[in-house]
Amino acid sequence: MEIQMWREVLIPYQQAVSELELKFESIIIENRKLGKYSPIELVDGRVKRISSILEKAKKKQIPLSRIEEDIEDIAGIRIICQFVEDINTVVELIRSRSDMTIKFEKDYVSNKKDSGYQSYHMIVYYTVHTALGPKRVQAEIQIRTLAMNFWATIEHSLKYKYKHNIPTEIQNRLIKAALAAHNLDQEMSKIRSEIMDAQDNFQFKSSIIADILNSIQNIRIASNNELEIAQIQEEFYKIWETGNLDKLLSFSKQLDIIAERYKAQSL
């Protein structure tokens, strides 16, 4: 297959990665705007390099004519969660979607590999609409915690360095590191509710402050009363320094009344 043909083949996969990244990132954004906890912390995607595709095809004895059917991870999405419990939440979320069809799942969280690797893998079919019409492609979705991802990233780098023949001593150290990552996830799960409460409180407080600053800006535009704006800003800074959430909420409501007087809500 010519290089130009490879570029054409990979275009739908690049589009799929971009769209899937955007869809999962929108879940993070929506939850945070609503002041809610997001089971997804980070999203990352990639299209497999041509050299990696050829190497995998050679290793698994896949003919070039069967690459798109038999290599399922040309498009890859990685979803990072804070807690182990979030992994199941994300899995159920994906299962419930109508814009992708699950081909199969592999649970390396409950059944970790001998190397210590942990992650939840899903292969999905996803349809992209290209300039040449709709095309259904396969994509691999890996779901793991921050600790699991840190370990997997290091292991991947070492596999690349040693061409999948990692020395025994380093393999043993990796197994110990995997256990440490597992223990970290377990400890984080024990204080999960406290961490979530703290994060929710922070997000809620941030959204209130953003609303207040937006209201001040709208009132400034509508009223053109610099003296009043200066007084409002001074009062806001005093309340902000206290960090009192109830006072911030009350102040935000007062600004809503002022904005209504100036008909500034729609600005």
Protein backbone atom coordinates (compact mmCIF):
# COMPACT_ATOMS: atom_id res chain seq x y z
CA MET A 1 0.00 0.00 0.00
CA GLU A 2 1.40 3.41 -0.98
CA ILE A 3 2.06 6.12 1.61
CA GLN A 4 -0.64 8.37 0.12
CA MET A 5 -3.16 5.52 0.42
CA TRP A 6 -2.23 5.08 4.09
CA ARG A 7 -2.97 8.75 4.71
CA GLU A 8 -6.39 8.37 3.14
CA VAL A 9 -7.10 5.22 5.16
CA LEU A 10 -6.26 6.97 8.44
CA ILE A 11 -8.38 10.09 7.85
CA PRO A 12 -11.64 8.55 9.22
CA TYR A 13 -9.76 7.29 12.29
CA GLN A 14 -8.36 10.76 12.95
CA GLN A 15 -11.88 12.14 12.68
CA ALA A 16 -13.22 9.46 15.02
CA VAL A 17 -10.58 10.27 17.64
CA SER A 18 -11.34 14.00 17.45
CA GLU A 19 -15.09 13.45 17.78
CA LEU A 20 -14.82 10.93 20.62
CA GLU A 21 -12.41 13.16 22.54
CA LEU A 22 -14.84 16.06 22.21
CA LYS A 23 -17.84 13.97 23.32
CA PHE A 24 -16.14 12.65 26.45
CA GLU A 25 -14.63 16.04 27.29
CA SER A 26 -18.11 17.58 27.05
CA ILE A 27 -19.16 15.29 29.92
CA ILE A 28 -16.42 16.82 32.07
CA ILE A 29 -17.40 20.36 31.09
CA GLU A 30 -21.13 19.81 31.63
CA ASN A 31 -20.67 18.28 35.09
CA ARG A 32 -18.38 21.08 36.18
CA LYS A 33 -20.73 23.77 34.90
CA LEU A 34 -23.51 22.14 36.92
CA GLY A 35 -21.24 22.02 39.97
CA LYS A 36 -21.29 18.21 39.91
CA TYR A 37 -18.55 15.63 40.26
CA SER A 38 -17.30 14.25 36.94
CA PRO A 39 -16.38 10.53 36.79
CA ILE A 40 -14.03 11.47 33.93
CA GLU A 41 -10.96 13.47 34.88
CA LEU A 42 -9.01 13.54 31.60
CA VAL A 43 -9.42 12.36 28.01
CA ASP A 44 -6.65 11.65 25.54
CA GLY A 45 -6.70 10.18 22.05
CA ARG A 46 -4.36 9.06 19.32
CA VAL A 47 -4.27 7.38 15.92
CA LYS A 48 -1.77 4.54 15.67
CA ARG A 49 1.30 5.39 13.61
CA ILE A 50 1.71 3.65 10.26
CA SER A 51 4.93 2.00 11.47
CA SER A 52 3.12 0.63 14.55
CA ILE A 53 0.24 -0.67 12.42
CA LEU A 54 2.66 -2.49 10.09
CA GLU A 55 4.61 -3.90 13.04
CA LYS A 56 1.43 -5.24 14.66
CA ALA A 57 0.19 -6.68 11.36
CA LYS A 58 3.51 -8.47 10.89
CA LYS A 59 3.56 -9.79 14.46
CA LYS A 60 -0.01 -11.13 14.24
CA GLN A 61 0.36 -12.21 10.61
CA ILE A 62 -2.49 -9.97 9.44
CA PRO A 63 -2.59 -9.36 5.66
CA LEU A 64 -2.67 -5.71 4.60
CA SER A 65 -6.12 -6.26 3.07
CA ARG A 66 -7.48 -7.16 6.57
CA ILE A 67 -5.83 -4.43 8.64
CA GLU A 68 -8.98 -2.35 9.23
CA GLU A 69 -10.98 -5.43 10.23
CA ASP A 70 -8.37 -7.19 12.37
CA ILE A 71 -6.50 -4.33 14.04
CA GLU A 72 -9.01 -2.86 16.47
CA ASP A 73 -6.94 -0.10 18.06
CA ILE A 74 -5.98 2.06 15.07
CA ALA A 75 -8.08 4.72 16.82
CA GLY A 76 -7.49 4.89 20.55
CA ILE A 77 -9.14 6.86 23.35
CA ARG A 78 -7.87 6.90 26.92
CA ILE A 79 -10.25 7.98 29.69
CA ILE A 80 -8.63 8.77 33.04
CA CYS A 81 -10.62 8.64 36.27
CA GLN A 82 -9.74 9.68 39.80
CA PHE A 83 -11.14 6.61 41.53
CA VAL A 84 -11.51 2.89 40.73
CA GLU A 85 -15.27 3.21 41.33
CA ASP A 86 -15.49 5.77 38.52
CA ILE A 87 -14.36 3.18 35.98
CA ASN A 88 -17.64 1.23 36.25
CA THR A 89 -19.58 4.49 36.02
CA VAL A 90 -17.84 5.36 32.74
CA VAL A 91 -18.30 1.82 31.39
CA GLU A 92 -22.05 2.03 32.03
CA LEU A 93 -22.13 5.47 30.45
CA ILE A 94 -20.55 4.10 27.27
CA ARG A 95 -22.86 1.08 27.24
CA SER A 96 -25.87 3.40 27.33
CA ARG A 97 -24.80 5.53 24.37
CA SER A 98 -26.58 5.19 21.05
CA ASP A 99 -23.78 6.69 18.94
CA MET A 100 -21.40 3.76 19.43
CA THR A 101 -21.77 -0.01 19.47
CA ILE A 102 -19.68 -2.21 21.74
CA LYS A 103 -17.84 -5.06 20.01
CA PHE A 104 -16.32 -6.52 23.18
CA GLU A 105 -14.95 -5.63 26.61
CA LYS A 106 -11.95 -6.81 28.59
CA ASP A 107 -11.67 -6.14 32.31
CA TYR A 108 -8.02 -5.88 33.33
CA VAL A 109 -9.03 -4.04 36.51
CA SER A 110 -10.63 -7.03 38.25
CA ASN A 111 -8.32 -9.41 36.38
CA LYS A 112 -4.99 -7.63 36.16
CA LYS A 113 -2.23 -9.00 33.94
CA ASP A 114 0.73 -10.85 35.44
CA SER A 115 2.88 -7.79 34.70
CA GLY A 116 0.66 -5.72 37.03
CA TYR A 117 -1.12 -3.88 34.21
CA GLN A 118 -4.64 -2.70 35.07
CA SER A 119 -7.17 -1.03 32.77
CA TYR A 120 -10.66 -1.57 31.37
CA HIS A 121 -10.71 -2.02 27.59
CA MET A 122 -13.66 -1.60 25.26
CA ILE A 123 -13.67 -1.96 21.48
CA VAL A 124 -16.49 0.05 19.91
CA TYR A 125 -17.80 0.65 16.43
CA TYR A 126 -18.25 4.35 15.68
CA THR A 127 -19.56 5.94 12.48
CA VAL A 128 -17.93 9.08 11.11
CA HIS A 129 -19.35 11.15 8.27
CA THR A 130 -16.53 11.93 5.87
CA ALA A 131 -16.39 13.81 2.57
CA LEU A 132 -16.81 10.41 0.87
CA GLY A 133 -19.81 9.44 3.00
CA PRO A 134 -20.34 7.57 6.29
CA LYS A 135 -17.74 5.06 7.45
CA ARG A 136 -17.88 2.77 10.46
CA VAL A 137 -14.53 2.38 12.19
CA GLN A 138 -13.32 0.53 15.24
CA ALA A 139 -11.87 2.34 18.26
CA GLU A 140 -10.33 1.10 21.47
CA ILE A 141 -11.34 2.87 24.67
CA GLN A 142 -9.10 2.36 27.70
CA ILE A 143 -10.50 3.42 31.08
CA ARG A 144 -8.17 3.61 34.07
CA THR A 145 -7.28 5.63 37.16
CA LEU A 146 -4.52 8.22 37.37
CA ALA A 147 -2.34 5.73 39.26
CA MET A 148 -2.96 2.95 36.72
CA ASN A 149 -2.18 5.34 33.87
CA PHE A 150 1.09 6.49 35.44
CA TRP A 151 2.24 2.89 35.79
CA ALA A 152 1.09 1.89 32.28
CA THR A 153 2.87 4.87 30.71
CA ILE A 154 6.17 3.90 32.37
CA GLU A 155 5.77 0.25 31.38
CA HIS A 156 5.02 1.21 27.77
CA SER A 157 8.18 3.34 27.61
CA LEU A 158 10.28 0.48 28.98
CA LYS A 159 8.75 -1.99 26.52
CA TYR A 160 9.67 0.35 23.70
CA LYS A 161 13.21 0.77 25.02
CA TYR A 162 13.83 -2.96 25.47
CA LYS A 163 11.73 -4.05 22.45
CA HIS A 164 9.30 -5.98 24.70
CA ASN A 165 12.18 -7.84 26.41
CA ILE A 166 12.32 -6.01 29.73
CA PRO A 167 15.06 -7.40 32.02
CA THR A 168 13.79 -9.59 34.88
CA GLU A 169 15.03 -7.22 37.59
CA ILE A 170 13.12 -4.31 36.08
CA GLN A 171 10.03 -6.51 35.57
CA ASN A 172 10.09 -7.37 39.28
CA ARG A 173 10.37 -3.69 40.17
CA LEU A 174 7.44 -2.93 37.87
CA ILE A 175 5.34 -5.56 39.64
CA LYS A 176 6.15 -3.92 43.00
CA ALA A 177 5.29 -0.50 41.54
CA ALA A 178 1.98 -1.88 40.23
CA LEU A 179 1.15 -3.09 43.74
CA ALA A 180 1.97 0.36 45.11
CA ALA A 181 -0.31 1.97 42.50
CA HIS A 182 -3.07 -0.50 43.42
CA ASN A 183 -2.66 0.32 47.13
CA LEU A 184 -2.82 4.04 46.33
CA ASP A 185 -6.12 3.54 44.50
CA GLN A 186 -7.47 1.56 47.46
CA GLU A 187 -6.50 4.29 49.92
CA MET A 188 -8.05 6.99 47.73
CA SER A 189 -11.28 4.98 47.56
CA LYS A 190 -11.49 4.99 51.35
CA ILE A 191 -11.57 8.80 51.44
CA ARG A 192 -13.45 9.17 48.14
CA SER A 193 -16.53 10.83 49.65
CA GLU A 194 -14.43 13.45 51.46
CA ILE A 195 -12.43 14.22 48.30
CA MET A 196 -15.60 14.46 46.19
CA ASP A 197 -17.25 16.80 48.73
CA ALA A 198 -14.19 19.06 48.70
CA GLN A 199 -14.07 19.12 44.90
CA ASP A 200 -17.81 19.74 44.57
CA ASN A 201 -17.53 22.61 47.07
CA PHE A 202 -14.64 24.10 45.11
CA GLN A 203 -16.48 23.81 41.77
CA PHE A 204 -19.67 25.33 43.22
CA LYS A 205 -17.76 28.20 44.79
CA SER A 206 -15.89 28.82 41.53
CA SER A 207 -19.16 28.94 39.56
CA ILE A 208 -20.64 31.48 42.01
CA ILE A 209 -17.58 33.71 41.72
CA ALA A 210 -17.73 33.46 37.92
CA ASP A 211 -21.42 34.49 38.04
CA ILE A 212 -20.61 37.44 40.30
CA LEU A 213 -17.83 38.70 38.03
CA ASN A 214 -20.07 38.31 35.00
CA SER A 215 -22.85 40.27 36.73
CA ILE A 216 -20.46 43.06 37.67
CA GLN A 217 -19.30 43.32 34.07
CA ASN A 218 -22.90 43.42 32.78
CA ILE A 219 -23.89 46.08 35.33
CA ARG A 220 -20.85 48.17 34.36
CA ILE A 221 -21.90 48.08 30.69
CA ALA A 222 -25.58 48.81 31.39
CA SER A 223 -25.20 51.49 34.08
CA ASN A 224 -21.99 53.30 33.17
CA ASN A 225 -21.90 54.25 36.88
CA GLU A 226 -18.24 53.89 37.86
CA LEU A 227 -18.84 54.93 41.48
CA GLU A 228 -21.45 52.20 42.00
CA ILE A 229 -19.22 49.64 40.28
CA ALA A 230 -16.28 50.61 42.52
CA GLN A 231 -18.46 50.09 45.61
CA ILE A 232 -19.70 46.72 44.32
CA GLN A 233 -16.16 45.56 43.59
CA GLU A 234 -14.92 46.66 47.00
CA GLU A 235 -17.74 44.75 48.70
CA PHE A 236 -17.02 41.67 46.57
CA TYR A 237 -13.31 41.66 47.51
CA LYS A 238 -14.18 41.88 51.21
CA ILE A 239 -16.56 38.91 50.96
CA TRP A 240 -14.17 36.95 48.71
CA GLU A 241 -11.36 37.30 51.27
CA THR A 242 -13.57 35.72 53.96
CA GLY A 243 -14.22 32.70 51.73
CA ASN A 244 -17.73 32.45 53.20
CA LEU A 245 -19.93 30.58 50.70
CA ASP A 246 -23.22 31.79 52.18
CA LYS A 247 -22.12 35.43 51.94
CA LEU A 248 -21.03 34.92 48.32
CA LEU A 249 -24.43 33.41 47.48
CA SER A 250 -26.24 36.29 49.16
CA PHE A 251 -24.05 38.84 47.35
CA SER A 252 -24.72 37.12 44.02
CA LYS A 253 -28.48 37.44 44.61
CA GLN A 254 -28.08 41.15 45.44
CA LEU A 255 -26.26 41.63 42.13
CA ASP A 256 -29.12 39.88 40.32
CA ILE A 257 -31.51 42.51 41.73
CA ILE A 258 -29.20 45.35 40.66
CA ALA A 259 -28.78 43.78 37.20
CA GLU A 260 -32.56 43.50 36.88
CA ARG A 261 -32.88 47.20 37.69
CA TYR A 262 -30.51 48.04 34.85
CA LYS A 263 -31.96 45.30 32.61
CA ALA A 264 -28.44 43.89 32.42
CA GLN A 265 -29.24 40.16 32.81
CA SER A 266 -29.23 39.48 29.06
CA LEU A 267 -25.92 41.21 28.33
